[in-house]
């Protein structure tokens, strides 16, 4: 069995995938790639919300899935941390690719924390169906995150500490 050198971070919007990912890549001295940033750059947009507003949800899902698969392929054989978009768990082909090629870490956060953090930055690029709430999205996604995760880490507290703790865990497990 070969060791997976890529680590992917999944979880709700506001779980800290970017913040933990950046710090984790510093701790492990490896590359960090935020798939939301890749999408924004490829689309020539100012931010992710601009793309979400422009595309139908199904089209955004396709874009997210394609970007994940291409990024994993590009990073193959390298040591890197990948922060996925929160809705990545709806992209079956991308999640199968991540399962095959990466060690998936689910950054778990409580609904109260998601609501509190989201209220501070409501323009973060979340796809909502008409009438859908943060709680609706949370309840639908949690089982998917849990199903795909190789490891679950709680991120309701200081995300720098989370990253340092996770770096130790991954090194001990010889993942990173």
N, C-alpha and C. Protein backbone atom coordinates (compact mmCIF):
# COMPACT_ATOMS: atom_id res chain seq x y z
N UNK A 1 0.84 -1.19 0.00
CA UNK A 1 0.00 0.00 0.00
C UNK A 1 0.88 1.25 0.00
N UNK A 2 0.63 2.15 -0.92
CA UNK A 2 1.42 3.37 -0.98
C UNK A 2 0.83 4.43 -0.06
N UNK A 3 1.70 5.25 0.49
CA UNK A 3 1.28 6.33 1.36
C UNK A 3 0.72 7.46 0.51
N UNK A 4 -0.42 7.97 0.91
CA UNK A 4 -1.01 9.11 0.20
C UNK A 4 -0.29 10.37 0.65
N UNK A 5 0.28 11.09 -0.31
CA UNK A 5 1.03 12.30 0.01
C UNK A 5 0.15 13.54 -0.03
N UNK A 6 -1.02 13.41 -0.62
CA UNK A 6 -1.96 14.53 -0.68
C UNK A 6 -2.96 14.40 0.46
N UNK A 7 -3.26 15.52 1.09
CA UNK A 7 -4.27 15.57 2.14
C UNK A 7 -5.34 16.54 1.67
N UNK A 8 -6.60 16.10 1.69
CA UNK A 8 -7.69 17.01 1.33
C UNK A 8 -8.52 17.31 2.56
N UNK A 9 -8.93 18.56 2.66
CA UNK A 9 -9.75 19.03 3.78
C UNK A 9 -11.17 19.25 3.28
N UNK A 10 -12.13 18.60 3.94
CA UNK A 10 -13.53 18.78 3.60
C UNK A 10 -14.26 19.30 4.83
N UNK A 11 -15.42 19.88 4.62
CA UNK A 11 -16.22 20.37 5.75
C UNK A 11 -17.08 21.54 5.33
N UNK A 12 -17.92 21.95 6.25
CA UNK A 12 -18.84 23.06 6.02
C UNK A 12 -18.08 24.35 5.71
N UNK A 13 -18.77 25.25 5.01
CA UNK A 13 -18.23 26.59 4.89
C UNK A 13 -18.06 27.11 6.31
N UNK A 14 -17.02 27.81 6.57
CA UNK A 14 -16.61 28.35 7.88
C UNK A 14 -15.90 27.35 8.78
N UNK A 15 -15.71 26.11 8.34
CA UNK A 15 -15.06 25.10 9.19
C UNK A 15 -13.57 25.40 9.36
N UNK A 16 -13.02 26.20 8.47
CA UNK A 16 -11.60 26.55 8.58
C UNK A 16 -10.70 25.83 7.61
N UNK A 17 -11.26 25.35 6.50
CA UNK A 17 -10.44 24.59 5.55
C UNK A 17 -9.27 25.42 5.02
N UNK A 18 -9.51 26.68 4.73
CA UNK A 18 -8.43 27.53 4.23
C UNK A 18 -7.45 27.88 5.35
N UNK A 19 -7.94 28.35 6.46
CA UNK A 19 -7.04 28.75 7.56
C UNK A 19 -6.25 27.56 8.09
N UNK A 20 -6.92 26.44 8.33
CA UNK A 20 -6.22 25.25 8.81
C UNK A 20 -5.27 24.75 7.72
N UNK A 21 -5.71 24.77 6.48
CA UNK A 21 -4.88 24.29 5.37
C UNK A 21 -3.59 25.07 5.21
N UNK A 22 -3.68 26.39 5.30
CA UNK A 22 -2.48 27.23 5.18
C UNK A 22 -1.51 26.92 6.31
N UNK A 23 -2.01 26.89 7.52
CA UNK A 23 -1.16 26.62 8.68
C UNK A 23 -0.60 25.20 8.63
N UNK A 24 -1.43 24.25 8.23
CA UNK A 24 -0.99 22.85 8.12
C UNK A 24 0.13 22.71 7.08
N UNK A 25 -0.01 23.40 5.96
CA UNK A 25 1.04 23.33 4.93
C UNK A 25 2.34 23.95 5.43
N UNK A 26 2.24 24.98 6.27
CA UNK A 26 3.45 25.56 6.87
C UNK A 26 4.09 24.57 7.83
N UNK A 27 3.28 23.93 8.66
CA UNK A 27 3.79 22.95 9.63
C UNK A 27 4.46 21.77 8.93
N UNK A 28 3.90 21.36 7.79
CA UNK A 28 4.40 20.17 7.08
C UNK A 28 5.33 20.53 5.93
N UNK A 29 5.58 21.82 5.75
CA UNK A 29 6.47 22.30 4.70
C UNK A 29 6.08 21.74 3.33
N UNK A 30 4.82 22.01 2.95
CA UNK A 30 4.34 21.53 1.67
C UNK A 30 3.43 22.57 1.03
N UNK A 31 3.04 22.30 -0.20
CA UNK A 31 2.20 23.22 -0.95
C UNK A 31 0.77 23.22 -0.41
N UNK A 32 0.11 24.37 -0.53
CA UNK A 32 -1.30 24.48 -0.17
C UNK A 32 -2.07 24.97 -1.39
N UNK A 33 -3.20 24.31 -1.68
CA UNK A 33 -4.05 24.71 -2.79
C UNK A 33 -5.48 24.81 -2.29
N UNK A 34 -6.09 25.98 -2.47
CA UNK A 34 -7.49 26.19 -2.12
C UNK A 34 -8.28 26.11 -3.43
N UNK A 35 -9.13 25.10 -3.56
CA UNK A 35 -9.86 24.90 -4.81
C UNK A 35 -10.78 26.06 -5.14
N UNK A 36 -11.32 26.73 -4.12
CA UNK A 36 -12.15 27.92 -4.39
C UNK A 36 -11.31 29.00 -5.07
N UNK A 37 -10.08 29.19 -4.61
CA UNK A 37 -9.19 30.18 -5.23
C UNK A 37 -8.84 29.79 -6.66
N UNK A 38 -8.65 28.50 -6.90
CA UNK A 38 -8.34 28.02 -8.26
C UNK A 38 -9.51 28.35 -9.18
N UNK A 39 -10.72 28.09 -8.72
CA UNK A 39 -11.92 28.38 -9.52
C UNK A 39 -12.03 29.88 -9.81
N UNK A 40 -11.83 30.70 -8.80
CA UNK A 40 -11.92 32.16 -8.98
C UNK A 40 -10.89 32.62 -10.01
N UNK A 41 -9.66 32.12 -9.88
CA UNK A 41 -8.61 32.52 -10.82
C UNK A 41 -8.92 32.05 -12.25
N UNK A 42 -9.33 30.80 -12.40
CA UNK A 42 -9.63 30.26 -13.73
C UNK A 42 -10.78 31.00 -14.40
N UNK A 43 -11.75 31.43 -13.60
CA UNK A 43 -12.93 32.11 -14.15
C UNK A 43 -12.72 33.61 -14.31
N UNK A 44 -11.60 34.12 -13.82
CA UNK A 44 -11.33 35.55 -13.92
C UNK A 44 -12.32 36.39 -13.10
N UNK A 45 -12.76 35.83 -12.00
CA UNK A 45 -13.73 36.53 -11.15
C UNK A 45 -13.02 37.24 -10.00
N UNK A 46 -13.77 38.10 -9.31
CA UNK A 46 -13.22 38.79 -8.15
C UNK A 46 -13.31 37.93 -6.90
N UNK A 47 -14.37 37.11 -6.82
CA UNK A 47 -14.55 36.24 -5.66
C UNK A 47 -15.48 35.09 -6.04
N UNK A 48 -15.59 34.13 -5.15
CA UNK A 48 -16.40 32.94 -5.41
C UNK A 48 -17.88 33.27 -5.51
N UNK A 49 -18.35 34.20 -4.70
CA UNK A 49 -19.78 34.56 -4.73
C UNK A 49 -20.18 35.05 -6.11
N UNK A 50 -19.30 35.77 -6.77
CA UNK A 50 -19.58 36.26 -8.12
C UNK A 50 -19.85 35.09 -9.07
N UNK A 51 -19.10 34.00 -8.93
CA UNK A 51 -19.27 32.83 -9.78
C UNK A 51 -20.56 32.09 -9.41
N UNK A 52 -20.80 31.95 -8.11
CA UNK A 52 -22.02 31.29 -7.64
C UNK A 52 -23.25 32.03 -8.17
N UNK A 53 -23.21 33.35 -8.13
CA UNK A 53 -24.34 34.16 -8.61
C UNK A 53 -24.52 34.03 -10.11
N UNK A 54 -23.44 33.80 -10.83
CA UNK A 54 -23.46 33.77 -12.29
C UNK A 54 -23.91 32.42 -12.84
N UNK A 55 -23.56 31.32 -12.16
CA UNK A 55 -23.81 29.98 -12.67
C UNK A 55 -25.00 29.32 -11.99
N UNK A 56 -25.68 28.47 -12.74
CA UNK A 56 -26.71 27.63 -12.13
C UNK A 56 -26.02 26.65 -11.18
N UNK A 57 -26.69 26.22 -10.12
CA UNK A 57 -26.05 25.29 -9.17
C UNK A 57 -25.44 24.05 -9.82
N UNK A 58 -26.11 23.46 -10.79
CA UNK A 58 -25.57 22.27 -11.46
C UNK A 58 -24.28 22.60 -12.22
N UNK A 59 -24.23 23.75 -12.83
CA UNK A 59 -23.04 24.17 -13.57
C UNK A 59 -21.88 24.45 -12.61
N UNK A 60 -22.18 25.06 -11.46
CA UNK A 60 -21.15 25.30 -10.46
C UNK A 60 -20.60 23.97 -9.94
N UNK A 61 -21.48 23.02 -9.71
CA UNK A 61 -21.06 21.69 -9.24
C UNK A 61 -20.10 21.04 -10.26
N UNK A 62 -20.43 21.14 -11.54
CA UNK A 62 -19.55 20.60 -12.59
C UNK A 62 -18.18 21.27 -12.55
N UNK A 63 -18.19 22.57 -12.41
CA UNK A 63 -16.94 23.34 -12.36
C UNK A 63 -16.11 22.93 -11.14
N UNK A 64 -16.77 22.81 -10.01
CA UNK A 64 -16.10 22.41 -8.77
C UNK A 64 -15.50 21.00 -8.91
N UNK A 65 -16.27 20.10 -9.49
CA UNK A 65 -15.82 18.71 -9.66
C UNK A 65 -14.63 18.63 -10.61
N UNK A 66 -14.73 19.29 -11.73
CA UNK A 66 -13.66 19.30 -12.73
C UNK A 66 -12.37 19.88 -12.15
N UNK A 67 -12.51 20.97 -11.42
CA UNK A 67 -11.35 21.62 -10.81
C UNK A 67 -10.67 20.70 -9.81
N UNK A 68 -11.44 20.00 -9.00
CA UNK A 68 -10.85 19.07 -8.02
C UNK A 68 -10.08 17.95 -8.71
N UNK A 69 -10.69 17.33 -9.69
CA UNK A 69 -10.05 16.21 -10.38
C UNK A 69 -8.78 16.66 -11.09
N UNK A 70 -8.84 17.79 -11.77
CA UNK A 70 -7.65 18.31 -12.47
C UNK A 70 -6.54 18.68 -11.48
N UNK A 71 -6.91 19.25 -10.35
CA UNK A 71 -5.91 19.65 -9.35
C UNK A 71 -5.24 18.44 -8.74
N UNK A 72 -6.00 17.42 -8.41
CA UNK A 72 -5.42 16.19 -7.85
C UNK A 72 -4.47 15.57 -8.86
N UNK A 73 -4.86 15.55 -10.11
CA UNK A 73 -4.01 14.99 -11.17
C UNK A 73 -2.71 15.80 -11.27
N UNK A 74 -2.82 17.13 -11.23
CA UNK A 74 -1.65 18.00 -11.33
C UNK A 74 -0.70 17.80 -10.14
N UNK A 75 -1.26 17.54 -8.96
CA UNK A 75 -0.44 17.40 -7.75
C UNK A 75 0.02 15.97 -7.50
N UNK A 76 -0.36 15.07 -8.35
CA UNK A 76 -0.03 13.65 -8.15
C UNK A 76 1.47 13.47 -7.90
N UNK A 77 1.78 12.73 -6.84
CA UNK A 77 3.17 12.46 -6.49
C UNK A 77 3.80 13.53 -5.63
N UNK A 78 3.13 14.66 -5.48
CA UNK A 78 3.65 15.74 -4.64
C UNK A 78 3.06 15.64 -3.24
N UNK A 79 3.64 16.37 -2.34
CA UNK A 79 3.13 16.47 -0.98
C UNK A 79 2.41 17.80 -0.89
N UNK A 80 1.09 17.77 -0.67
CA UNK A 80 0.32 19.01 -0.66
C UNK A 80 -0.95 18.86 0.16
N UNK A 81 -1.48 20.02 0.57
CA UNK A 81 -2.75 20.11 1.27
C UNK A 81 -3.74 20.78 0.32
N UNK A 82 -4.92 20.19 0.18
CA UNK A 82 -5.96 20.72 -0.71
C UNK A 82 -7.18 21.08 0.14
N UNK A 83 -7.60 22.34 0.09
CA UNK A 83 -8.84 22.76 0.73
C UNK A 83 -9.93 22.72 -0.33
N UNK A 84 -10.96 21.92 -0.09
CA UNK A 84 -12.06 21.81 -1.04
C UNK A 84 -13.14 22.83 -0.71
N UNK A 85 -14.05 23.01 -1.63
CA UNK A 85 -15.23 23.81 -1.34
C UNK A 85 -16.17 23.00 -0.46
N UNK A 86 -16.99 23.66 0.33
CA UNK A 86 -17.88 22.95 1.23
C UNK A 86 -18.87 22.03 0.54
N UNK A 87 -19.25 22.39 -0.69
CA UNK A 87 -20.23 21.57 -1.42
C UNK A 87 -19.59 20.44 -2.22
N UNK A 88 -18.28 20.27 -2.08
CA UNK A 88 -17.59 19.22 -2.83
C UNK A 88 -18.20 17.84 -2.58
N UNK A 89 -18.76 17.61 -1.40
CA UNK A 89 -19.32 16.29 -1.08
C UNK A 89 -20.50 15.91 -1.98
N UNK A 90 -21.03 16.86 -2.73
CA UNK A 90 -22.10 16.56 -3.68
C UNK A 90 -21.54 16.11 -5.04
N UNK A 91 -20.24 16.19 -5.20
CA UNK A 91 -19.58 15.86 -6.47
C UNK A 91 -19.00 14.44 -6.38
N UNK A 92 -19.80 13.47 -6.79
CA UNK A 92 -19.43 12.06 -6.58
C UNK A 92 -18.09 11.69 -7.23
N UNK A 93 -17.90 12.07 -8.48
CA UNK A 93 -16.63 11.71 -9.15
C UNK A 93 -15.44 12.35 -8.46
N UNK A 94 -15.58 13.59 -8.04
CA UNK A 94 -14.49 14.27 -7.35
C UNK A 94 -14.20 13.60 -6.01
N UNK A 95 -15.24 13.24 -5.28
CA UNK A 95 -15.03 12.60 -3.98
C UNK A 95 -14.40 11.22 -4.14
N UNK A 96 -14.77 10.50 -5.18
CA UNK A 96 -14.14 9.20 -5.45
C UNK A 96 -12.66 9.39 -5.77
N UNK A 97 -12.34 10.44 -6.52
CA UNK A 97 -10.95 10.78 -6.83
C UNK A 97 -10.20 11.13 -5.55
N UNK A 98 -10.79 11.96 -4.71
CA UNK A 98 -10.15 12.34 -3.45
C UNK A 98 -9.94 11.12 -2.56
N UNK A 99 -10.92 10.22 -2.51
CA UNK A 99 -10.77 9.00 -1.70
C UNK A 99 -9.61 8.14 -2.20
N UNK A 100 -9.49 8.05 -3.48
CA UNK A 100 -8.46 7.21 -4.10
C UNK A 100 -7.07 7.81 -3.93
N UNK A 101 -6.97 9.14 -4.07
CA UNK A 101 -5.66 9.78 -4.19
C UNK A 101 -5.21 10.59 -2.98
N UNK A 102 -6.13 10.85 -2.03
CA UNK A 102 -5.77 11.72 -0.90
C UNK A 102 -6.23 11.10 0.42
N UNK A 103 -5.67 11.61 1.48
CA UNK A 103 -6.14 11.30 2.83
C UNK A 103 -7.14 12.40 3.17
N UNK A 104 -8.41 12.04 3.35
CA UNK A 104 -9.46 13.04 3.54
C UNK A 104 -9.66 13.33 5.02
N UNK A 105 -9.52 14.61 5.37
CA UNK A 105 -9.74 15.06 6.74
C UNK A 105 -10.99 15.93 6.75
N UNK A 106 -11.97 15.50 7.53
CA UNK A 106 -13.20 16.25 7.71
C UNK A 106 -13.02 17.20 8.88
N UNK A 107 -13.07 18.49 8.61
CA UNK A 107 -12.99 19.50 9.66
C UNK A 107 -14.41 19.75 10.14
N UNK A 108 -14.72 19.14 11.28
CA UNK A 108 -16.07 19.18 11.83
C UNK A 108 -16.26 20.44 12.69
N UNK A 109 -17.42 21.03 12.53
CA UNK A 109 -17.77 22.25 13.26
C UNK A 109 -19.25 22.17 13.63
N UNK A 110 -19.62 22.74 14.75
CA UNK A 110 -21.02 22.71 15.15
C UNK A 110 -21.85 23.69 14.32
N UNK A 111 -23.14 23.44 14.29
CA UNK A 111 -24.05 24.32 13.56
C UNK A 111 -24.00 25.74 14.14
N UNK A 112 -23.95 25.86 15.45
CA UNK A 112 -23.88 27.19 16.07
C UNK A 112 -22.64 27.96 15.60
N UNK A 113 -21.52 27.26 15.51
CA UNK A 113 -20.28 27.91 15.06
C UNK A 113 -20.40 28.31 13.59
N UNK A 114 -20.97 27.44 12.77
CA UNK A 114 -21.17 27.78 11.34
C UNK A 114 -22.01 29.04 11.23
N UNK A 115 -23.12 29.08 11.94
CA UNK A 115 -24.00 30.25 11.87
C UNK A 115 -23.29 31.52 12.32
N UNK A 116 -22.55 31.43 13.43
CA UNK A 116 -21.85 32.60 13.96
C UNK A 116 -20.79 33.09 12.97
N UNK A 117 -19.99 32.18 12.44
CA UNK A 117 -18.93 32.57 11.51
C UNK A 117 -19.51 33.06 10.18
N UNK A 118 -20.57 32.42 9.71
CA UNK A 118 -21.19 32.82 8.45
C UNK A 118 -21.80 34.21 8.56
N UNK A 119 -22.38 34.52 9.70
CA UNK A 119 -22.99 35.84 9.91
C UNK A 119 -21.95 36.96 9.77
N UNK A 120 -20.69 36.65 10.10
CA UNK A 120 -19.61 37.65 9.98
C UNK A 120 -19.18 37.85 8.53
N UNK A 121 -19.46 36.86 7.65
CA UNK A 121 -19.04 36.96 6.26
C UNK A 121 -20.06 36.24 5.36
N UNK A 122 -21.22 36.83 5.16
CA UNK A 122 -22.28 36.16 4.39
C UNK A 122 -22.05 36.15 2.87
N UNK A 123 -20.99 36.79 2.40
CA UNK A 123 -20.71 36.84 0.96
C UNK A 123 -19.61 35.85 0.57
N UNK A 124 -19.57 34.71 1.22
CA UNK A 124 -18.46 33.79 1.04
C UNK A 124 -18.63 32.79 -0.10
N UNK A 125 -19.68 32.84 -0.87
CA UNK A 125 -19.80 31.95 -2.02
C UNK A 125 -20.45 30.62 -1.70
N UNK A 126 -21.62 30.67 -1.08
CA UNK A 126 -22.36 29.46 -0.74
C UNK A 126 -23.56 29.35 -1.66
N UNK A 127 -23.78 28.16 -2.20
CA UNK A 127 -24.93 27.92 -3.08
C UNK A 127 -26.12 27.53 -2.20
N UNK A 128 -27.13 28.39 -2.17
CA UNK A 128 -28.37 28.11 -1.44
C UNK A 128 -29.49 27.86 -2.45
N UNK A 129 -30.28 26.84 -2.22
CA UNK A 129 -31.51 26.65 -2.99
C UNK A 129 -32.54 27.64 -2.44
N UNK A 130 -33.54 27.99 -3.23
CA UNK A 130 -34.58 28.90 -2.73
C UNK A 130 -35.18 28.38 -1.42
N UNK A 131 -35.22 29.25 -0.40
CA UNK A 131 -35.79 28.90 0.88
C UNK A 131 -34.89 28.06 1.78
N UNK A 132 -33.73 27.69 1.31
CA UNK A 132 -32.82 26.84 2.07
C UNK A 132 -32.08 27.66 3.13
N UNK A 133 -31.87 27.07 4.29
CA UNK A 133 -31.18 27.73 5.38
C UNK A 133 -29.82 27.09 5.62
N UNK A 134 -29.01 27.75 6.42
CA UNK A 134 -27.72 27.19 6.82
C UNK A 134 -27.95 25.85 7.51
N UNK A 135 -28.96 25.77 8.36
CA UNK A 135 -29.26 24.52 9.08
C UNK A 135 -29.63 23.40 8.11
N UNK A 136 -30.37 23.72 7.05
CA UNK A 136 -30.75 22.71 6.05
C UNK A 136 -29.50 22.13 5.39
N UNK A 137 -28.60 23.01 4.98
CA UNK A 137 -27.36 22.58 4.33
C UNK A 137 -26.54 21.73 5.30
N UNK A 138 -26.42 22.19 6.51
CA UNK A 138 -25.65 21.48 7.54
C UNK A 138 -26.18 20.06 7.73
N UNK A 139 -27.47 19.92 7.92
CA UNK A 139 -28.07 18.60 8.16
C UNK A 139 -27.89 17.66 6.97
N UNK A 140 -27.92 18.19 5.76
CA UNK A 140 -27.78 17.35 4.57
C UNK A 140 -26.32 16.94 4.33
N UNK A 141 -25.40 17.82 4.66
CA UNK A 141 -23.99 17.53 4.36
C UNK A 141 -23.27 16.66 5.39
N UNK A 142 -23.64 16.78 6.66
CA UNK A 142 -22.89 16.10 7.72
C UNK A 142 -22.72 14.59 7.43
N UNK A 143 -23.76 13.85 7.08
CA UNK A 143 -23.57 12.42 6.81
C UNK A 143 -22.59 12.16 5.65
N UNK A 144 -22.58 13.05 4.68
CA UNK A 144 -21.67 12.89 3.54
C UNK A 144 -20.22 13.12 3.97
N UNK A 145 -19.98 14.17 4.74
CA UNK A 145 -18.63 14.41 5.24
C UNK A 145 -18.14 13.21 6.04
N UNK A 146 -19.00 12.70 6.91
CA UNK A 146 -18.61 11.57 7.75
C UNK A 146 -18.33 10.32 6.93
N UNK A 147 -19.10 10.11 5.88
CA UNK A 147 -18.92 8.92 5.03
C UNK A 147 -17.57 8.95 4.31
N UNK A 148 -17.17 10.10 3.84
CA UNK A 148 -15.94 10.19 3.04
C UNK A 148 -14.67 10.35 3.88
N UNK A 149 -14.79 10.75 5.12
CA UNK A 149 -13.62 11.10 5.94
C UNK A 149 -12.76 9.90 6.32
N UNK A 150 -11.45 10.09 6.19
CA UNK A 150 -10.47 9.14 6.75
C UNK A 150 -10.18 9.52 8.19
N UNK A 151 -10.36 10.79 8.51
CA UNK A 151 -10.06 11.33 9.83
C UNK A 151 -11.00 12.51 10.08
N UNK A 152 -11.45 12.65 11.32
CA UNK A 152 -12.35 13.76 11.69
C UNK A 152 -11.67 14.59 12.77
N UNK A 153 -11.65 15.91 12.55
CA UNK A 153 -11.02 16.83 13.49
C UNK A 153 -12.00 17.96 13.78
N UNK A 154 -12.23 18.23 15.06
CA UNK A 154 -13.13 19.32 15.44
C UNK A 154 -12.42 20.67 15.31
N UNK A 155 -13.15 21.65 14.76
CA UNK A 155 -12.53 22.96 14.51
C UNK A 155 -13.35 24.11 15.09
N UNK A 156 -14.03 23.87 16.20
CA UNK A 156 -14.80 24.94 16.84
C UNK A 156 -13.92 25.90 17.61
N UNK A 157 -12.66 25.56 17.80
CA UNK A 157 -11.76 26.42 18.57
C UNK A 157 -10.64 26.92 17.67
N UNK A 158 -9.60 27.46 18.22
CA UNK A 158 -8.49 28.08 17.48
C UNK A 158 -7.97 27.19 16.35
N UNK A 159 -8.10 27.67 15.14
CA UNK A 159 -7.74 26.86 13.98
C UNK A 159 -6.24 26.69 13.80
N UNK A 160 -5.44 27.60 14.35
CA UNK A 160 -3.99 27.40 14.33
C UNK A 160 -3.60 26.21 15.19
N UNK A 161 -4.23 26.09 16.35
CA UNK A 161 -3.98 24.93 17.21
C UNK A 161 -4.45 23.66 16.54
N UNK A 162 -5.59 23.74 15.87
CA UNK A 162 -6.11 22.58 15.14
C UNK A 162 -5.08 22.11 14.11
N UNK A 163 -4.53 23.06 13.36
CA UNK A 163 -3.55 22.71 12.32
C UNK A 163 -2.31 22.08 12.92
N UNK A 164 -1.80 22.64 14.00
CA UNK A 164 -0.60 22.07 14.62
C UNK A 164 -0.87 20.66 15.14
N UNK A 165 -2.02 20.47 15.77
CA UNK A 165 -2.40 19.16 16.28
C UNK A 165 -2.57 18.16 15.13
N UNK A 166 -3.22 18.59 14.06
CA UNK A 166 -3.43 17.73 12.90
C UNK A 166 -2.10 17.37 12.24
N UNK A 167 -1.17 18.31 12.17
CA UNK A 167 0.15 18.03 11.59
C UNK A 167 0.84 16.90 12.35
N UNK A 168 0.75 16.93 13.66
CA UNK A 168 1.35 15.87 14.49
C UNK A 168 0.65 14.54 14.21
N UNK A 169 -0.69 14.56 14.17
CA UNK A 169 -1.44 13.33 13.90
C UNK A 169 -1.06 12.72 12.55
N UNK A 170 -0.99 13.55 11.53
CA UNK A 170 -0.68 13.06 10.19
C UNK A 170 0.75 12.53 10.12
N UNK A 171 1.67 13.21 10.78
CA UNK A 171 3.06 12.74 10.79
C UNK A 171 3.17 11.39 11.52
N UNK A 172 2.47 11.26 12.65
CA UNK A 172 2.51 10.01 13.40
C UNK A 172 1.89 8.86 12.61
N UNK A 173 0.86 9.17 11.82
CA UNK A 173 0.21 8.16 11.00
C UNK A 173 0.95 7.95 9.68
N UNK A 174 2.06 8.68 9.49
CA UNK A 174 2.88 8.61 8.28
C UNK A 174 2.08 8.95 7.01
N UNK A 175 1.12 9.86 7.20
CA UNK A 175 0.34 10.37 6.07
C UNK A 175 1.07 11.55 5.46
N UNK A 176 1.67 12.35 6.30
CA UNK A 176 2.34 13.56 5.81
C UNK A 176 3.81 13.52 6.14
